[in-house]
Amino acid sequence: MQRIYLDHNATTPVEPAVLEAMLPYFSGDFGNASSIHTFGQRARAAVETARDQVAALLNARPQEIIFTSGGTESDNHAIFGVVYPLVSWPSKPSPNPLDDLDKRINIAHLMHVVTTAIEHEAVLNTCQALEKRGVAVTYLPVSREGLIDLEDLRKAIRPETVLVTVMHANNELGTVQPLAEIGRIAAEHDIYLHTDAVQSVGKIPVDVKACQIDLLSLSGHKLYAPKGIGAIYIKSGTRLHQLVYGGHHQRGFRPGTENVAGIVGLGKAAELAGISLAEDSARISALRDKLEEGLLARVPDSRPNAAGAARTPNTANITFPGIEGEALIIALDLRGLACSTGAACSSGAVEPSHVLTAIGLSAAEARASIRFSLGRHTTSAEIDAALEIVPAAVAQLRQLSPGYKREFSAHR
């Protein structure tokens, strides 16, 4: 059976050239990058080359790149790192712990963070953790296309706002936020701007200087590097509290022995992305449009989500009324096609995607929506096959759905 992988927003395969670059650092060049002998210095040189490669992709300076375990860690460090110093316990505890708690809460109430309703859980859950510590958080709504209103952002900013965190490209819709305009607004108010760019780096141009970004998160396994490696861009001069304590690795921001092989892989992946970004974007977007238009033509009543907005070139999100997304994912997988839904399983119940309900879909519509995300190695032949597989699977599931027959026969 032919296997077709259309879930690249979840993870990507490691590029052969990336794996080849990594292999020496598992064996012959296994040194600790903090050691001063030859083994260590060869590892150190490889780490710094990778830092240069990642910085070049972002138009940043190498010293502004700190390697992490991935996007989630980077998001947490950016958000907590800005806010933490003013919500932490007093350095000299009072005899009565309740007095300290009162002091911390009183300080926290002077802090405010602005984010959006469609962030990844790595940002949403971090912001919710801040709220539990007394920090005020505003969650900006989005349009049907998944975009924030810049005027809403302006109105949300308060004198006590210290951070705006807005993801660059949404993981479910592919919608790209107007980051340059957001950066301009944050800069006008002297507020730090953080962006979760996990889904945009390597797919579309990202320029931290042009967008006036202070903090940026990225993840290796979204751009053909291995899992377990990522980075955070920290603009020079940004006041960021360290969250992990240990040695003096990476200027103290992220202590611990560096994952040299993973870092080398991320660097090589960043280099390859910079070389092929324009060509990949044009080819993949053409395939994405072919898939999207073909499915809308072949599957009755199907509807695209956020198709009118600027999107990453590889992402299509389509609602297929009358089916349950989880059932369709299983049916497609049995036919050899991998894709995903935005639903999450919580305590045995399938919860609708918070992203899709935020753009106005009902819970039923959100559960009936499927994300297709293409990649660098997706072929036209695979898209042709998908255009046969998906309509057949949807038709079969709809035959088993009396609710679909009742609902849509009434409109005909």
Protein backbone atom coordinates (compact mmCIF):
# COMPACT_ATOMS: atom_id res chain seq x y z
CA MET A 1 0.00 0.00 0.00
CA GLN A 2 1.26 3.47 -0.87
CA ARG A 3 1.71 5.63 2.23
CA ILE A 4 1.06 9.36 1.87
CA TYR A 5 2.13 11.71 4.65
CA LEU A 6 0.21 15.00 4.79
CA ASP A 7 0.84 15.89 8.43
CA HIS A 8 4.03 17.95 8.21
CA ASN A 9 2.73 20.55 10.69
CA ALA A 10 2.86 17.80 13.31
CA THR A 11 6.40 16.80 12.47
CA THR A 12 8.71 16.42 9.49
CA PRO A 13 11.13 13.65 8.50
CA VAL A 14 14.78 14.35 9.17
CA GLU A 15 16.36 15.49 5.92
CA PRO A 16 19.09 13.06 4.75
CA ALA A 17 21.66 15.87 4.62
CA VAL A 18 20.72 16.83 8.18
CA LEU A 19 21.21 13.28 9.43
CA GLU A 20 24.53 13.05 7.59
CA ALA A 21 25.73 16.24 9.28
CA MET A 22 24.71 14.91 12.70
CA LEU A 23 26.20 11.43 12.56
CA PRO A 24 29.84 12.31 13.41
CA TYR A 25 28.74 13.90 16.69
CA PHE A 26 27.38 10.61 17.99
CA SER A 27 30.74 8.85 17.66
CA GLY A 28 34.06 10.32 16.50
CA ASP A 29 33.29 13.94 17.44
CA PHE A 30 31.52 13.09 20.70
CA GLY A 31 33.24 15.72 22.84
CA ASN A 32 31.58 18.00 25.39
CA ALA A 33 31.39 21.47 23.84
CA SER A 34 32.50 22.99 27.16
CA SER A 35 35.75 21.03 27.33
CA ILE A 36 38.95 22.85 26.39
CA HIS A 37 40.73 19.90 24.77
CA THR A 38 40.58 19.07 21.06
CA PHE A 39 37.51 16.85 21.36
CA GLY A 40 35.60 19.61 23.12
CA GLN A 41 36.75 22.36 20.82
CA ARG A 42 35.65 20.46 17.73
CA ALA A 43 32.21 20.10 19.29
CA ARG A 44 32.23 23.81 20.26
CA ALA A 45 33.07 24.82 16.69
CA ALA A 46 30.16 22.75 15.38
CA VAL A 47 27.74 24.36 17.87
CA GLU A 48 28.85 27.86 16.90
CA THR A 49 28.53 27.07 13.19
CA ALA A 50 24.97 25.95 13.84
CA ARG A 51 24.31 29.15 15.79
CA ASP A 52 25.48 31.12 12.77
CA GLN A 53 23.19 29.10 10.48
CA VAL A 54 20.08 29.61 12.59
CA ALA A 55 20.83 33.31 13.04
CA ALA A 56 21.21 33.76 9.29
CA LEU A 57 17.76 32.27 8.65
CA LEU A 58 16.21 34.82 11.04
CA ASN A 59 18.40 37.82 10.15
CA ALA A 60 19.64 37.79 13.74
CA ARG A 61 23.09 37.93 15.34
CA PRO A 62 24.60 34.59 16.40
CA GLN A 63 24.91 35.66 20.04
CA GLU A 64 21.12 36.21 20.08
CA ILE A 65 20.41 32.49 19.49
CA ILE A 66 20.06 30.14 22.46
CA PHE A 67 19.48 26.44 21.84
CA THR A 68 16.67 24.69 23.74
CA SER A 69 14.83 21.38 23.68
CA GLY A 70 12.12 22.73 21.36
CA GLY A 71 9.29 25.20 20.88
CA THR A 72 7.53 24.54 24.18
CA GLU A 73 10.60 25.27 26.26
CA SER A 74 11.34 28.36 24.19
CA ASP A 75 7.78 29.66 24.63
CA ASN A 76 7.91 29.10 28.37
CA HIS A 77 11.28 30.80 28.71
CA ALA A 78 10.19 33.82 26.69
CA ILE A 79 6.95 34.39 28.59
CA PHE A 80 8.00 33.46 32.11
CA GLY A 81 11.40 35.04 31.53
CA VAL A 82 9.89 38.48 30.91
CA VAL A 83 7.24 38.33 33.63
CA TYR A 84 8.85 36.19 36.32
CA PRO A 85 11.14 38.76 37.98
CA LEU A 86 8.13 40.78 39.14
CA VAL A 87 5.96 37.87 40.27
CA SER A 88 8.58 35.80 42.08
CA TRP A 89 8.85 35.51 45.84
CA PRO A 90 10.64 38.36 47.60
CA SER A 91 14.38 37.73 47.89
CA LYS A 92 14.23 38.22 51.67
CA PRO A 93 11.24 36.27 53.04
CA SER A 94 9.08 37.76 55.76
CA PRO A 95 8.55 35.86 59.03
CA ASN A 96 4.95 35.30 57.96
CA PRO A 97 4.72 33.46 54.56
CA LEU A 98 1.26 34.96 54.02
CA ASP A 99 2.83 38.40 53.93
CA ASP A 100 5.10 37.25 51.11
CA LEU A 101 2.13 35.86 49.20
CA ASP A 102 0.31 39.17 49.54
CA LYS A 103 3.37 41.05 48.28
CA ARG A 104 3.75 38.75 45.30
CA ILE A 105 0.08 38.99 44.31
CA ASN A 106 0.09 42.77 44.69
CA ILE A 107 3.08 43.01 42.35
CA ALA A 108 1.58 40.52 39.90
CA HIS A 109 -1.57 42.59 39.61
CA LEU A 110 0.57 45.35 38.13
CA MET A 111 1.54 43.05 35.24
CA HIS A 112 -0.40 42.48 32.02
CA VAL A 113 0.21 40.22 29.01
CA VAL A 114 -1.60 40.29 25.65
CA THR A 115 -1.96 37.16 23.55
CA THR A 116 -4.55 35.62 21.20
CA ALA A 117 -7.30 33.05 21.50
CA ILE A 118 -5.68 30.74 18.91
CA GLU A 119 -2.21 30.25 20.36
CA HIS A 120 -0.62 26.85 20.74
CA GLU A 121 -1.08 25.27 24.17
CA ALA A 122 2.57 25.99 24.92
CA VAL A 123 1.63 29.67 25.06
CA LEU A 124 -1.97 29.40 26.30
CA ASN A 125 -1.12 27.16 29.24
CA THR A 126 1.85 29.33 30.16
CA CYS A 127 -0.39 32.40 30.18
CA GLN A 128 -2.96 30.56 32.27
CA ALA A 129 -0.21 29.69 34.76
CA LEU A 130 0.59 33.40 34.98
CA GLU A 131 -3.07 34.18 35.66
CA LYS A 132 -2.99 31.81 38.62
CA ARG A 133 -0.14 33.94 39.97
CA GLY A 134 -2.22 37.10 39.64
CA VAL A 135 -1.00 38.36 36.25
CA ALA A 136 -3.70 39.81 34.01
CA VAL A 137 -3.89 38.29 30.52
CA THR A 138 -5.95 39.50 27.56
CA TYR A 139 -6.82 36.94 24.88
CA LEU A 140 -7.51 38.77 21.63
CA PRO A 141 -10.31 37.37 19.45
CA VAL A 142 -9.74 36.56 15.79
CA SER A 143 -11.74 36.93 12.60
CA ARG A 144 -13.23 34.10 10.51
CA GLU A 145 -9.87 34.06 8.76
CA GLY A 146 -7.98 33.61 12.02
CA LEU A 147 -6.49 37.10 12.11
CA ILE A 148 -6.37 39.52 15.01
CA ASP A 149 -7.65 43.07 14.57
CA LEU A 150 -4.76 45.49 15.07
CA GLU A 151 -7.14 47.99 16.62
CA ASP A 152 -8.11 45.36 19.20
CA LEU A 153 -4.42 45.02 20.01
CA ARG A 154 -4.03 48.76 20.45
CA LYS A 155 -7.06 48.91 22.75
CA ALA A 156 -5.84 45.94 24.81
CA ILE A 157 -2.53 47.57 25.72
CA ARG A 158 -2.45 49.12 29.21
CA PRO A 159 0.19 51.05 31.12
CA GLU A 160 1.07 47.82 32.96
CA THR A 161 1.38 45.69 29.78
CA VAL A 162 4.85 44.12 29.65
CA LEU A 163 4.53 41.54 26.86
CA VAL A 164 2.64 40.85 23.64
CA THR A 165 2.89 37.23 22.50
CA VAL A 166 1.34 36.39 19.12
CA MET A 167 2.11 33.29 17.08
CA HIS A 168 3.39 34.02 13.58
CA ALA A 169 1.62 31.19 11.74
CA ASN A 170 -1.17 29.11 13.20
CA ASN A 171 -0.55 25.38 13.39
CA GLU A 172 -4.10 24.38 12.38
CA LEU A 173 -5.05 27.03 9.82
CA GLY A 174 -1.69 28.21 8.54
CA THR A 175 -2.93 31.79 8.96
CA VAL A 176 -0.03 34.27 9.09
CA GLN A 177 -0.45 37.24 11.43
CA PRO A 178 0.74 40.73 10.33
CA LEU A 179 3.83 40.50 12.50
CA ALA A 180 5.54 43.64 11.20
CA GLU A 181 2.51 45.75 12.14
CA ILE A 182 2.23 44.02 15.51
CA GLY A 183 5.92 44.66 16.13
CA ARG A 184 5.47 48.33 15.28
CA ILE A 185 2.62 48.67 17.79
CA ALA A 186 4.58 46.90 20.54
CA ALA A 187 7.62 49.08 19.87
CA GLU A 188 5.53 52.26 19.99
CA HIS A 189 4.46 51.30 23.52
CA ASP A 190 7.91 50.03 24.57
CA ILE A 191 6.53 46.53 25.15
CA TYR A 192 8.36 43.28 24.48
CA LEU A 193 7.06 41.23 21.52
CA HIS A 194 7.36 37.45 21.53
CA THR A 195 6.26 35.26 18.64
CA ASP A 196 5.85 31.52 18.48
CA ALA A 197 7.30 30.99 15.01
CA VAL A 198 7.41 27.20 15.17
CA GLN A 199 5.11 26.88 12.14
CA SER A 200 6.61 29.70 10.07
CA VAL A 201 10.40 29.34 10.30
CA GLY A 202 11.57 27.45 7.25
CA LYS A 203 8.27 27.89 5.39
CA ILE A 204 8.07 31.65 4.90
CA PRO A 205 10.62 34.45 5.37
CA VAL A 206 11.11 35.47 9.01
CA ASP A 207 13.08 38.65 9.72
CA VAL A 208 13.36 39.52 13.40
CA LYS A 209 14.76 42.98 12.69
CA ALA A 210 12.15 44.00 10.12
CA CYS A 211 9.35 42.83 12.42
CA GLN A 212 10.91 44.36 15.57
CA ILE A 213 10.72 41.03 17.39
CA ASP A 214 12.30 40.77 20.83
CA LEU A 215 11.80 37.04 21.42
CA LEU A 216 11.10 34.21 18.98
CA SER A 217 10.58 30.47 19.46
CA LEU A 218 11.33 27.77 16.90
CA SER A 219 11.46 23.98 16.83
CA GLY A 220 13.75 21.72 14.83
CA HIS A 221 11.35 18.92 14.03
CA LYS A 222 9.06 21.29 12.11
CA LEU A 223 11.80 22.05 9.57
CA TYR A 224 13.40 18.65 8.87
CA ALA A 225 15.68 18.52 11.90
CA PRO A 226 15.27 15.97 14.73
CA LYS A 227 12.86 16.17 17.63
CA GLY A 228 14.15 17.47 20.95
CA ILE A 229 16.01 20.49 19.64
CA GLY A 230 14.86 24.08 19.21
CA ALA A 231 15.98 27.62 19.79
CA ILE A 232 14.93 30.93 21.23
CA TYR A 233 15.98 34.24 19.70
CA ILE A 234 16.62 36.85 22.38
CA LYS A 235 17.23 40.33 21.01
CA SER A 236 20.32 41.94 22.50
CA GLY A 237 19.34 44.09 25.46
CA THR A 238 16.15 42.16 26.25
CA ARG A 239 15.72 41.75 29.99
CA LEU A 240 15.05 38.03 30.36
CA HIS A 241 15.19 36.12 33.62
CA GLN A 242 16.84 32.72 33.47
CA LEU A 243 14.59 29.84 34.53
CA VAL A 244 17.10 26.99 34.83
CA TYR A 245 20.22 27.16 36.99
CA GLY A 246 23.47 25.28 36.51
CA GLY A 247 26.68 26.05 34.68
CA HIS A 248 27.46 28.98 32.44
CA HIS A 249 26.49 27.36 29.15
CA GLN A 250 24.91 29.64 26.54
CA ARG A 251 25.56 32.81 28.53
CA GLY A 252 23.68 31.30 31.48
CA PHE A 253 20.32 31.47 29.73
CA ARG A 254 20.16 27.72 29.22
CA PRO A 255 22.72 25.88 31.36
CA GLY A 256 23.46 22.22 30.75
CA THR A 257 25.68 20.29 28.37
CA GLU A 258 24.68 21.12 24.81
CA ASN A 259 22.98 18.53 22.60
CA VAL A 260 25.70 18.85 19.98
CA ALA A 261 24.28 16.41 17.43
CA GLY A 262 20.80 17.95 17.66
CA ILE A 263 22.19 21.48 17.42
CA VAL A 264 24.22 20.55 14.35
CA GLY A 265 21.07 19.07 12.81
CA LEU A 266 19.08 22.20 13.49
CA GLY A 267 21.81 24.36 12.01
CA LYS A 268 22.01 22.28 8.84
CA ALA A 269 18.21 22.29 8.51
CA ALA A 270 18.19 26.09 8.86
CA GLU A 271 20.87 26.38 6.18
CA LEU A 272 18.91 24.15 3.79
CA ALA A 273 15.69 26.07 4.48
CA GLY A 274 17.37 29.35 3.61
CA ILE A 275 18.60 27.93 0.32
CA SER A 276 15.35 26.28 -0.82
CA LEU A 277 12.67 28.42 0.85
CA ALA A 278 11.47 30.30 -2.23
CA GLU A 279 11.48 27.23 -4.48
CA ASP A 280 9.81 25.03 -1.85
CA SER A 281 7.17 27.65 -1.16
CA ALA A 282 6.15 27.99 -4.80
CA ARG A 283 6.00 24.25 -5.45
CA ILE A 284 4.26 23.30 -2.21
CA SER A 285 1.65 26.08 -2.41
CA ALA A 286 0.73 24.92 -5.93
CA LEU A 287 0.24 21.38 -4.63
CA ARG A 288 -1.74 22.66 -1.62
CA ASP A 289 -4.05 24.64 -3.91
CA LYS A 290 -4.49 21.61 -6.17
CA LEU A 291 -5.48 19.48 -3.16
CA GLU A 292 -7.78 22.10 -1.68
CA GLU A 293 -9.56 22.95 -4.92
CA GLY A 294 -9.87 19.28 -5.86
CA LEU A 295 -11.42 18.30 -2.54
CA LEU A 296 -13.87 21.20 -2.58
CA ALA A 297 -14.94 20.18 -6.09
CA ARG A 298 -15.23 16.45 -5.33
CA VAL A 299 -16.71 16.44 -1.83
CA PRO A 300 -20.21 17.98 -1.66
CA ASP A 301 -20.80 20.60 1.05
CA SER A 302 -17.11 20.78 2.01
CA ARG A 303 -15.83 24.19 3.09
CA PRO A 304 -12.31 25.61 3.50
CA ASN A 305 -11.27 27.39 6.68
CA ALA A 306 -9.30 30.65 6.56
CA ALA A 307 -8.56 30.16 2.87
CA GLY A 308 -8.91 33.91 2.25
CA ALA A 309 -6.07 34.85 4.59
CA ALA A 310 -2.34 34.86 4.01
CA ARG A 311 -1.28 31.32 4.93
CA THR A 312 1.82 29.21 5.09
CA PRO A 313 2.15 27.57 1.68
CA ASN A 314 1.66 24.02 2.93
CA THR A 315 -1.51 24.14 5.03
CA ALA A 316 -5.18 23.51 4.17
CA ASN A 317 -7.97 23.08 6.70
CA ILE A 318 -11.30 21.80 5.38
CA THR A 319 -14.64 21.06 7.04
CA PHE A 320 -16.50 17.96 5.84
CA PRO A 321 -20.01 18.25 7.36
CA GLY A 322 -21.66 15.01 8.38
CA ILE A 323 -18.54 13.18 9.55
CA GLU A 324 -16.53 12.94 12.75
CA GLY A 325 -12.97 14.01 12.14
CA GLU A 326 -11.48 11.26 14.29
CA ALA A 327 -13.37 8.61 12.31
CA LEU A 328 -12.20 10.14 9.03
CA ILE A 329 -8.57 10.21 10.20
CA ILE A 330 -8.77 6.49 10.99
CA ALA A 331 -10.49 5.73 7.68
CA LEU A 332 -7.85 7.67 5.76
CA ASP A 333 -5.02 6.00 7.65
CA LEU A 334 -6.43 2.59 6.72
CA ARG A 335 -6.25 3.75 3.10
CA GLY A 336 -2.65 4.87 3.51
CA LEU A 337 -3.08 8.64 4.02
CA ALA A 338 -1.92 10.45 7.17
CA CYS A 339 -3.36 13.84 8.18
CA SER A 340 -4.85 15.24 11.39
CA THR A 341 -7.65 17.05 13.16
CA GLY A 342 -7.42 19.89 15.65
CA ALA A 343 -9.46 17.97 18.20
CA ALA A 344 -8.01 16.93 21.52
CA CYS A 345 -8.94 13.96 23.66
CA SER A 346 -9.56 15.00 27.25
CA SER A 347 -10.79 12.52 29.85
CA GLY A 348 -12.15 10.26 27.13
CA ALA A 349 -14.15 13.04 25.44
CA VAL A 350 -13.13 14.56 22.13
CA GLU A 351 -13.00 18.31 22.58
CA PRO A 352 -13.37 20.57 19.54
CA SER A 353 -10.37 22.61 18.46
CA HIS A 354 -10.11 25.90 20.33
CA VAL A 355 -8.69 27.42 17.16
CA LEU A 356 -11.65 26.45 14.98
CA THR A 357 -14.27 27.48 17.52
CA ALA A 358 -12.43 30.81 17.89
CA ILE A 359 -12.96 31.53 14.18
CA GLY A 360 -16.69 30.88 14.55
CA LEU A 361 -17.16 27.20 13.78
CA SER A 362 -19.64 25.25 15.86
CA ALA A 363 -18.38 22.33 17.92
CA ALA A 364 -19.78 19.91 15.31
CA GLU A 365 -18.11 21.80 12.46
CA ALA A 366 -14.81 21.89 14.32
CA ARG A 367 -14.96 18.14 14.91
CA ALA A 368 -15.65 17.63 11.21
CA SER A 369 -12.55 19.57 10.11
CA ILE A 370 -9.33 18.06 8.82
CA ARG A 371 -5.88 19.62 8.44
CA PHE A 372 -3.72 18.64 5.50
CA SER A 373 -0.12 19.87 5.74
CA LEU A 374 2.26 19.19 2.87
CA GLY A 375 6.03 19.03 2.90
CA ARG A 376 9.21 19.40 0.90
CA HIS A 377 8.96 15.85 -0.46
CA THR A 378 5.21 15.77 -1.22
CA THR A 379 4.64 14.86 -4.87
CA SER A 380 1.96 15.67 -7.40
CA ALA A 381 1.23 11.93 -7.68
CA GLU A 382 0.54 11.80 -3.93
CA ILE A 383 -1.91 14.69 -4.25
CA ASP A 384 -3.64 12.89 -7.13
CA ALA A 385 -3.96 9.81 -4.93
CA ALA A 386 -5.28 11.89 -2.02
CA LEU A 387 -7.96 13.33 -4.31
CA GLU A 388 -9.23 9.80 -4.82
CA ILE A 389 -8.84 8.56 -1.25
CA VAL A 390 -10.42 11.43 0.71
CA PRO A 391 -13.70 11.81 -1.25
CA ALA A 392 -14.27 8.05 -1.13
CA ALA A 393 -13.69 7.91 2.63
CA VAL A 394 -15.97 10.91 3.28
CA ALA A 395 -18.72 9.40 1.12
CA GLN A 396 -18.50 6.10 2.97
CA LEU A 397 -18.72 7.75 6.39
CA ARG A 398 -21.62 9.93 5.30
CA GLN A 399 -23.53 6.85 4.26
CA LEU A 400 -23.35 5.83 7.90
CA SER A 401 -24.46 9.27 9.12
CA PRO A 402 -28.24 9.69 9.11
CA GLY A 403 -27.78 13.14 10.63
CA TYR A 404 -25.92 14.28 7.52
CA LYS A 405 -28.65 12.95 5.24
CA ARG A 406 -31.39 14.73 7.21
CA GLU A 407 -29.55 18.02 7.50
CA PHE A 408 -28.45 18.40 3.89
CA SER A 409 -31.40 16.83 2.12
CA ALA A 410 -33.52 19.59 3.65
CA HIS A 411 -31.44 22.21 1.80
CA ARG A 412 -31.85 20.57 -1.59
